[in-house]
PDB file of N, CA and C in Angstrom:
ATOM      1  N   MET A   1     -61.529 118.336  43.402  1.00  0.00           N
ATOM      2  CA  MET A   1     -62.107 118.959  44.575  1.00  0.00           C
ATOM      3  C   MET A   1     -62.440 120.418  44.263  1.00  0.00           C
ATOM      4  N   ASN A   2     -63.546 120.873  44.787  1.00  0.00           N
ATOM      5  CA  ASN A   2     -63.992 122.234  44.531  1.00  0.00           C
ATOM      6  C   ASN A   2     -63.168 123.251  45.304  1.00  0.00           C
ATOM      7  N   LYS A   3     -63.037 124.398  44.717  1.00  0.00           N
ATOM      8  CA  LYS A   3     -62.312 125.506  45.317  1.00  0.00           C
ATOM      9  C   LYS A   3     -63.084 126.062  46.515  1.00  0.00           C
ATOM     10  N   TYR A   4     -64.403 125.985  46.453  1.00  0.00           N
ATOM     11  CA  TYR A   4     -65.279 126.507  47.506  1.00  0.00           C
ATOM     12  C   TYR A   4     -66.104 125.376  48.085  1.00  0.00           C
ATOM     13  N   ASN A   5     -66.326 125.434  49.386  1.00  0.00           N
ATOM     14  CA  ASN A   5     -67.160 124.398  49.989  1.00  0.00           C
ATOM     15  C   ASN A   5     -68.636 124.790  49.870  1.00  0.00           C
ATOM     16  N   SER A   6     -69.493 123.853  50.107  1.00  0.00           N
ATOM     17  CA  SER A   6     -70.924 124.080  49.909  1.00  0.00           C
ATOM     18  C   SER A   6     -71.483 125.100  50.899  1.00  0.00           C
ATOM     19  N   LYS A   7     -70.878 125.245  52.064  1.00  0.00           N
ATOM     20  CA  LYS A   7     -71.361 126.230  53.038  1.00  0.00           C
ATOM     21  C   LYS A   7     -71.245 127.643  52.486  1.00  0.00           C
ATOM     22  N   VAL A   8     -70.159 127.932  51.790  1.00  0.00           N
ATOM     23  CA  VAL A   8     -69.988 129.262  51.197  1.00  0.00           C
ATOM     24  C   VAL A   8     -71.067 129.512  50.145  1.00  0.00           C
ATOM     25  N   VAL A   9     -71.347 128.505  49.346  1.00  0.00           N
ATOM     26  CA  VAL A   9     -72.383 128.631  48.315  1.00  0.00           C
ATOM     27  C   VAL A   9     -73.746 128.839  48.965  1.00  0.00           C
ATOM     28  N   PHE A  10     -74.075 128.046  49.966  1.00  0.00           N
ATOM     29  CA  PHE A  10     -75.366 128.183  50.642  1.00  0.00           C
ATOM     30  C   PHE A  10     -75.494 129.534  51.324  1.00  0.00           C
ATOM     31  N   ASP A  11     -74.429 129.996  51.960  1.00  0.00           N
ATOM     32  CA  ASP A  11     -74.462 131.304  52.612  1.00  0.00           C
ATOM     33  C   ASP A  11     -74.681 132.413  51.590  1.00  0.00           C
ATOM     34  N   TYR A  12     -74.042 132.301  50.444  1.00  0.00           N
ATOM     35  CA  TYR A  12     -74.215 133.301  49.389  1.00  0.00           C
ATOM     36  C   TYR A  12     -75.663 133.317  48.903  1.00  0.00           C
ATOM     37  N   ILE A  13     -76.204 132.166  48.634  1.00  0.00           N
ATOM     38  CA  ILE A  13     -77.572 132.064  48.117  1.00  0.00           C
ATOM     39  C   ILE A  13     -78.585 132.589  49.127  1.00  0.00           C
ATOM     40  N   ASN A  14     -78.365 132.272  50.395  1.00  0.00           N
ATOM     41  CA  ASN A  14     -79.307 132.675  51.440  1.00  0.00           C
ATOM     42  C   ASN A  14     -79.075 134.092  51.953  1.00  0.00           C
ATOM     43  N   GLY A  15     -78.037 134.748  51.464  1.00  0.00           N
ATOM     44  CA  GLY A  15     -77.770 136.120  51.877  1.00  0.00           C
ATOM     45  C   GLY A  15     -77.114 136.233  53.238  1.00  0.00           C
ATOM     46  N   ASN A  16     -76.526 135.151  53.703  1.00  0.00           N
ATOM     47  CA  ASN A  16     -75.826 135.176  54.990  1.00  0.00           C
ATOM     48  C   ASN A  16     -74.447 135.817  54.830  1.00  0.00           C
ATOM     49  N   GLU A  17     -73.904 136.250  55.936  1.00  0.00           N
ATOM     50  CA  GLU A  17     -72.578 136.863  55.919  1.00  0.00           C
ATOM     51  C   GLU A  17     -71.517 135.814  55.579  1.00  0.00           C
ATOM     52  N   ILE A  18     -70.616 136.189  54.699  1.00  0.00           N
ATOM     53  CA  ILE A  18     -69.509 135.307  54.321  1.00  0.00           C
ATOM     54  C   ILE A  18     -68.232 135.992  54.802  1.00  0.00           C
ATOM     55  N   ILE A  19     -67.606 135.417  55.792  1.00  0.00           N
ATOM     56  CA  ILE A  19     -66.486 136.065  56.469  1.00  0.00           C
ATOM     57  C   ILE A  19     -65.180 135.939  55.697  1.00  0.00           C
ATOM     58  N   ASP A  20     -64.891 134.797  55.160  1.00  0.00           N
ATOM     59  CA  ASP A  20     -63.576 134.536  54.567  1.00  0.00           C
ATOM     60  C   ASP A  20     -63.414 135.030  53.134  1.00  0.00           C
ATOM     61  N   TYR A  21     -64.481 135.491  52.509  1.00  0.00           N
ATOM     62  CA  TYR A  21     -64.430 135.881  51.104  1.00  0.00           C
ATOM     63  C   TYR A  21     -65.068 137.245  50.896  1.00  0.00           C
ATOM     64  N   ASN A  22     -64.618 137.925  49.862  1.00  0.00           N
ATOM     65  CA  ASN A  22     -65.204 139.182  49.443  1.00  0.00           C
ATOM     66  C   ASN A  22     -66.283 138.860  48.406  1.00  0.00           C
ATOM     67  N   ILE A  23     -67.455 139.427  48.567  1.00  0.00           N
ATOM     68  CA  ILE A  23     -68.578 139.134  47.667  1.00  0.00           C
ATOM     69  C   ILE A  23     -68.228 139.484  46.219  1.00  0.00           C
ATOM     70  N   ASP A  24     -67.572 140.619  46.002  1.00  0.00           N
ATOM     71  CA  ASP A  24     -67.218 141.017  44.637  1.00  0.00           C
ATOM     72  C   ASP A  24     -66.275 140.011  43.997  1.00  0.00           C
ATOM     73  N   GLU A  25     -65.345 139.479  44.769  1.00  0.00           N
ATOM     74  CA  GLU A  25     -64.426 138.472  44.243  1.00  0.00           C
ATOM     75  C   GLU A  25     -65.163 137.180  43.914  1.00  0.00           C
ATOM     76  N   LEU A  26     -66.121 136.807  44.749  1.00  0.00           N
ATOM     77  CA  LEU A  26     -66.908 135.598  44.479  1.00  0.00           C
ATOM     78  C   LEU A  26     -67.726 135.756  43.199  1.00  0.00           C
ATOM     79  N   GLU A  27     -68.319 136.920  43.025  1.00  0.00           N
ATOM     80  CA  GLU A  27     -69.148 137.149  41.843  1.00  0.00           C
ATOM     81  C   GLU A  27     -68.305 137.281  40.579  1.00  0.00           C
ATOM     82  N   ASP A  28     -67.015 137.505  40.724  1.00  0.00           N
ATOM     83  CA  ASP A  28     -66.108 137.562  39.575  1.00  0.00           C
ATOM     84  C   ASP A  28     -65.403 136.231  39.317  1.00  0.00           C
ATOM     85  N   ASP A  29     -65.754 135.204  40.057  1.00  0.00           N
ATOM     86  CA  ASP A  29     -65.146 133.884  39.897  1.00  0.00           C
ATOM     87  C   ASP A  29     -66.158 132.960  39.226  1.00  0.00           C
ATOM     88  N   TYR A  30     -65.867 132.605  37.971  1.00  0.00           N
ATOM     89  CA  TYR A  30     -66.853 131.813  37.229  1.00  0.00           C
ATOM     90  C   TYR A  30     -67.082 130.442  37.850  1.00  0.00           C
ATOM     91  N   GLU A  31     -66.079 129.867  38.500  1.00  0.00           N
ATOM     92  CA  GLU A  31     -66.262 128.561  39.143  1.00  0.00           C
ATOM     93  C   GLU A  31     -67.287 128.656  40.272  1.00  0.00           C
ATOM     94  N   PHE A  32     -67.186 129.700  41.073  1.00  0.00           N
ATOM     95  CA  PHE A  32     -68.139 129.892  42.174  1.00  0.00           C
ATOM     96  C   PHE A  32     -69.548 130.126  41.631  1.00  0.00           C
ATOM     97  N   MET A  33     -69.654 130.984  40.630  1.00  0.00           N
ATOM     98  CA  MET A  33     -70.979 131.283  40.092  1.00  0.00           C
ATOM     99  C   MET A  33     -71.588 130.066  39.395  1.00  0.00           C
ATOM    100  N   MET A  34     -70.762 129.219  38.824  1.00  0.00           N
ATOM    101  CA  MET A  34     -71.275 127.974  38.246  1.00  0.00           C
ATOM    102  C   MET A  34     -71.838 127.075  39.345  1.00  0.00           C
ATOM    103  N   MET A  35     -71.177 127.035  40.483  1.00  0.00           N
ATOM    104  CA  MET A  35     -71.677 126.245  41.609  1.00  0.00           C
ATOM    105  C   MET A  35     -73.027 126.792  42.080  1.00  0.00           C
ATOM    106  N   VAL A  36     -73.141 128.112  42.159  1.00  0.00           N
ATOM    107  CA  VAL A  36     -74.390 128.743  42.588  1.00  0.00           C
ATOM    108  C   VAL A  36     -75.508 128.408  41.609  1.00  0.00           C
ATOM    109  N   ILE A  37     -75.236 128.538  40.334  1.00  0.00           N
ATOM    110  CA  ILE A  37     -76.262 128.265  39.318  1.00  0.00           C
ATOM    111  C   ILE A  37     -76.624 126.787  39.294  1.00  0.00           C
ATOM    112  N   ASN A  38     -75.648 125.907  39.475  1.00  0.00           N
ATOM    113  CA  ASN A  38     -75.946 124.473  39.537  1.00  0.00           C
ATOM    114  C   ASN A  38     -76.855 124.151  40.711  1.00  0.00           C
ATOM    115  N   TYR A  39     -76.597 124.750  41.850  1.00  0.00           N
ATOM    116  CA  TYR A  39     -77.399 124.451  43.033  1.00  0.00           C
ATOM    117  C   TYR A  39     -78.809 125.021  42.905  1.00  0.00           C
ATOM    118  N   THR A  40     -78.917 126.282  42.465  1.00  0.00           N
ATOM    119  CA  THR A  40     -80.228 126.926  42.417  1.00  0.00           C
ATOM    120  C   THR A  40     -81.016 126.555  41.166  1.00  0.00           C
ATOM    121  N   ASN A  41     -80.300 126.189  40.096  1.00  0.00           N
ATOM    122  CA  ASN A  41     -80.918 125.922  38.799  1.00  0.00           C
ATOM    123  C   ASN A  41     -81.772 127.116  38.361  1.00  0.00           C
ATOM    124  N   ASP A  42     -81.242 128.309  38.631  1.00  0.00           N
ATOM    125  CA  ASP A  42     -81.951 129.553  38.341  1.00  0.00           C
ATOM    126  C   ASP A  42     -81.110 130.410  37.409  1.00  0.00           C
ATOM    127  N   LYS A  43     -81.596 130.618  36.194  1.00  0.00           N
ATOM    128  CA  LYS A  43     -80.842 131.406  35.214  1.00  0.00           C
ATOM    129  C   LYS A  43     -80.712 132.868  35.624  1.00  0.00           C
ATOM    130  N   ASN A  44     -81.573 133.342  36.511  1.00  0.00           N
ATOM    131  CA  ASN A  44     -81.512 134.732  36.949  1.00  0.00           C
ATOM    132  C   ASN A  44     -80.298 135.014  37.828  1.00  0.00           C
ATOM    133  N   MET A  45     -79.650 133.988  38.318  1.00  0.00           N
ATOM    134  CA  MET A  45     -78.416 134.178  39.084  1.00  0.00           C
ATOM    135  C   MET A  45     -77.319 134.777  38.210  1.00  0.00           C
ATOM    136  N   TYR A  46     -77.483 134.664  36.912  1.00  0.00           N
ATOM    137  CA  TYR A  46     -76.539 135.276  35.978  1.00  0.00           C
ATOM    138  C   TYR A  46     -76.442 136.780  36.219  1.00  0.00           C
ATOM    139  N   ASN A  47     -77.546 137.387  36.607  1.00  0.00           N
ATOM    140  CA  ASN A  47     -77.561 138.835  36.848  1.00  0.00           C
ATOM    141  C   ASN A  47     -76.660 139.246  38.010  1.00  0.00           C
ATOM    142  N   LEU A  48     -76.349 138.327  38.903  1.00  0.00           N
ATOM    143  CA  LEU A  48     -75.486 138.630  40.040  1.00  0.00           C
ATOM    144  C   LEU A  48     -74.003 138.502  39.714  1.00  0.00           C
ATOM    145  N   CYS A  49     -73.697 137.939  38.567  1.00  0.00           N
ATOM    146  CA  CYS A  49     -72.303 137.732  38.174  1.00  0.00           C
ATOM    147  C   CYS A  49     -71.610 139.066  37.916  1.00  0.00           C
ATOM    148  N   GLY A  50     -70.312 139.077  38.204  1.00  0.00           N
ATOM    149  CA  GLY A  50     -69.500 140.237  37.894  1.00  0.00           C
ATOM    150  C   GLY A  50     -69.241 140.323  36.398  1.00  0.00           C
ATOM    151  N   GLU A  51     -68.765 141.476  35.957  1.00  0.00           N
ATOM    152  CA  GLU A  51     -68.514 141.698  34.531  1.00  0.00           C
ATOM    153  C   GLU A  51     -67.496 140.707  33.965  1.00  0.00           C
ATOM    154  N   LYS A  52     -66.506 140.354  34.763  1.00  0.00           N
ATOM    155  CA  LYS A  52     -65.480 139.403  34.313  1.00  0.00           C
ATOM    156  C   LYS A  52     -66.125 138.069  33.922  1.00  0.00           C
ATOM    157  N   VAL A  53     -67.056 137.630  34.724  1.00  0.00           N
ATOM    158  CA  VAL A  53     -67.728 136.351  34.474  1.00  0.00           C
ATOM    159  C   VAL A  53     -68.714 136.483  33.311  1.00  0.00           C
ATOM    160  N   LYS A  54     -69.426 137.588  33.258  1.00  0.00           N
ATOM    161  CA  LYS A  54     -70.400 137.789  32.183  1.00  0.00           C
ATOM    162  C   LYS A  54     -69.740 137.828  30.812  1.00  0.00           C
ATOM    163  N   ASN A  55     -68.458 138.142  30.761  1.00  0.00           N
ATOM    164  CA  ASN A  55     -67.738 138.229  29.491  1.00  0.00           C
ATOM    165  C   ASN A  55     -66.883 137.001  29.204  1.00  0.00           C
ATOM    166  N   ASP A  56     -66.974 135.981  30.045  1.00  0.00           N
ATOM    167  CA  ASP A  56     -66.192 134.765  29.868  1.00  0.00           C
ATOM    168  C   ASP A  56     -66.920 133.821  28.900  1.00  0.00           C
ATOM    169  N   TYR A  57     -66.246 133.484  27.809  1.00  0.00           N
ATOM    170  CA  TYR A  57     -66.844 132.647  26.764  1.00  0.00           C
ATOM    171  C   TYR A  57     -67.342 131.315  27.317  1.00  0.00           C
ATOM    172  N   TYR A  58     -66.537 130.641  28.118  1.00  0.00           N
ATOM    173  CA  TYR A  58     -66.904 129.309  28.616  1.00  0.00           C
ATOM    174  C   TYR A  58     -68.075 129.371  29.590  1.00  0.00           C
ATOM    175  N   PHE A  59     -68.149 130.447  30.346  1.00  0.00           N
ATOM    176  CA  PHE A  59     -69.275 130.608  31.266  1.00  0.00           C
ATOM    177  C   PHE A  59     -70.566 130.836  30.476  1.00  0.00           C
ATOM    178  N   ILE A  60     -70.508 131.686  29.474  1.00  0.00           N
ATOM    179  CA  ILE A  60     -71.685 131.949  28.643  1.00  0.00           C
ATOM    180  C   ILE A  60     -72.132 130.671  27.944  1.00  0.00           C
ATOM    181  N   LYS A  61     -71.181 129.912  27.428  1.00  0.00           N
ATOM    182  CA  LYS A  61     -71.498 128.644  26.775  1.00  0.00           C
ATOM    183  C   LYS A  61     -72.171 127.692  27.761  1.00  0.00           C
ATOM    184  N   TYR A  62     -71.666 127.655  28.995  1.00  0.00           N
ATOM    185  CA  TYR A  62     -72.248 126.822  30.040  1.00  0.00           C
ATOM    186  C   TYR A  62     -73.710 127.225  30.303  1.00  0.00           C
ATOM    187  N   ILE A  63     -73.963 128.522  30.411  1.00  0.00           N
ATOM    188  CA  ILE A  63     -75.322 129.017  30.669  1.00  0.00           C
ATOM    189  C   ILE A  63     -76.258 128.658  29.514  1.00  0.00           C
ATOM    190  N   VAL A  64     -75.791 128.866  28.305  1.00  0.00           N
ATOM    191  CA  VAL A  64     -76.622 128.560  27.135  1.00  0.00           C
ATOM    192  C   VAL A  64     -76.931 127.070  27.071  1.00  0.00           C
ATOM    193  N   ASP A  65     -75.943 126.233  27.329  1.00  0.00           N
ATOM    194  CA  ASP A  65     -76.154 124.781  27.308  1.00  0.00           C
ATOM    195  C   ASP A  65     -77.078 124.338  28.442  1.00  0.00           C
ATOM    196  N   LYS A  66     -76.873 124.879  29.627  1.00  0.00           N
ATOM    197  CA  LYS A  66     -77.664 124.476  30.798  1.00  0.00           C
ATOM    198  C   LYS A  66     -79.129 124.832  30.635  1.00  0.00           C
ATOM    199  N   PHE A  67     -79.398 126.007  30.068  1.00  0.00           N
ATOM    200  CA  PHE A  67     -80.774 126.445  29.935  1.00  0.00           C
ATOM    201  C   PHE A  67     -81.230 126.462  28.473  1.00  0.00           C
ATOM    202  N   SER A  68     -80.772 125.505  27.722  1.00  0.00           N
ATOM    203  CA  SER A  68     -81.094 125.442  26.287  1.00  0.00           C
ATOM    204  C   SER A  68     -82.582 125.209  26.018  1.00  0.00           C
ATOM    205  N   ASN A  69     -83.283 124.635  26.954  1.00  0.00           N
ATOM    206  CA  ASN A  69     -84.712 124.383  26.775  1.00  0.00           C
ATOM    207  C   ASN A  69     -85.575 125.598  27.087  1.00  0.00           C
ATOM    208  N   ASP A  70     -84.951 126.651  27.583  1.00  0.00           N
ATOM    209  CA  ASP A  70     -85.708 127.836  27.993  1.00  0.00           C
ATOM    210  C   ASP A  70     -85.592 128.920  26.943  1.00  0.00           C
TER     211      ASP A  70
END
């Protein structure tokens, strides 16, 4: 089961207010950002990731594998 429900992901993507979570904490959580990237299929969402996520080996590997054709 996912740590975050789809409503939180949709609210984040659409720029809606997220009451129960801090945006900085969400952007520093690689699981959440993976959900966002999976839903949007947009490699530019990587730019919204926090530094913790940008430096995570498994997250980078995931991004490279997901967008290997680009």
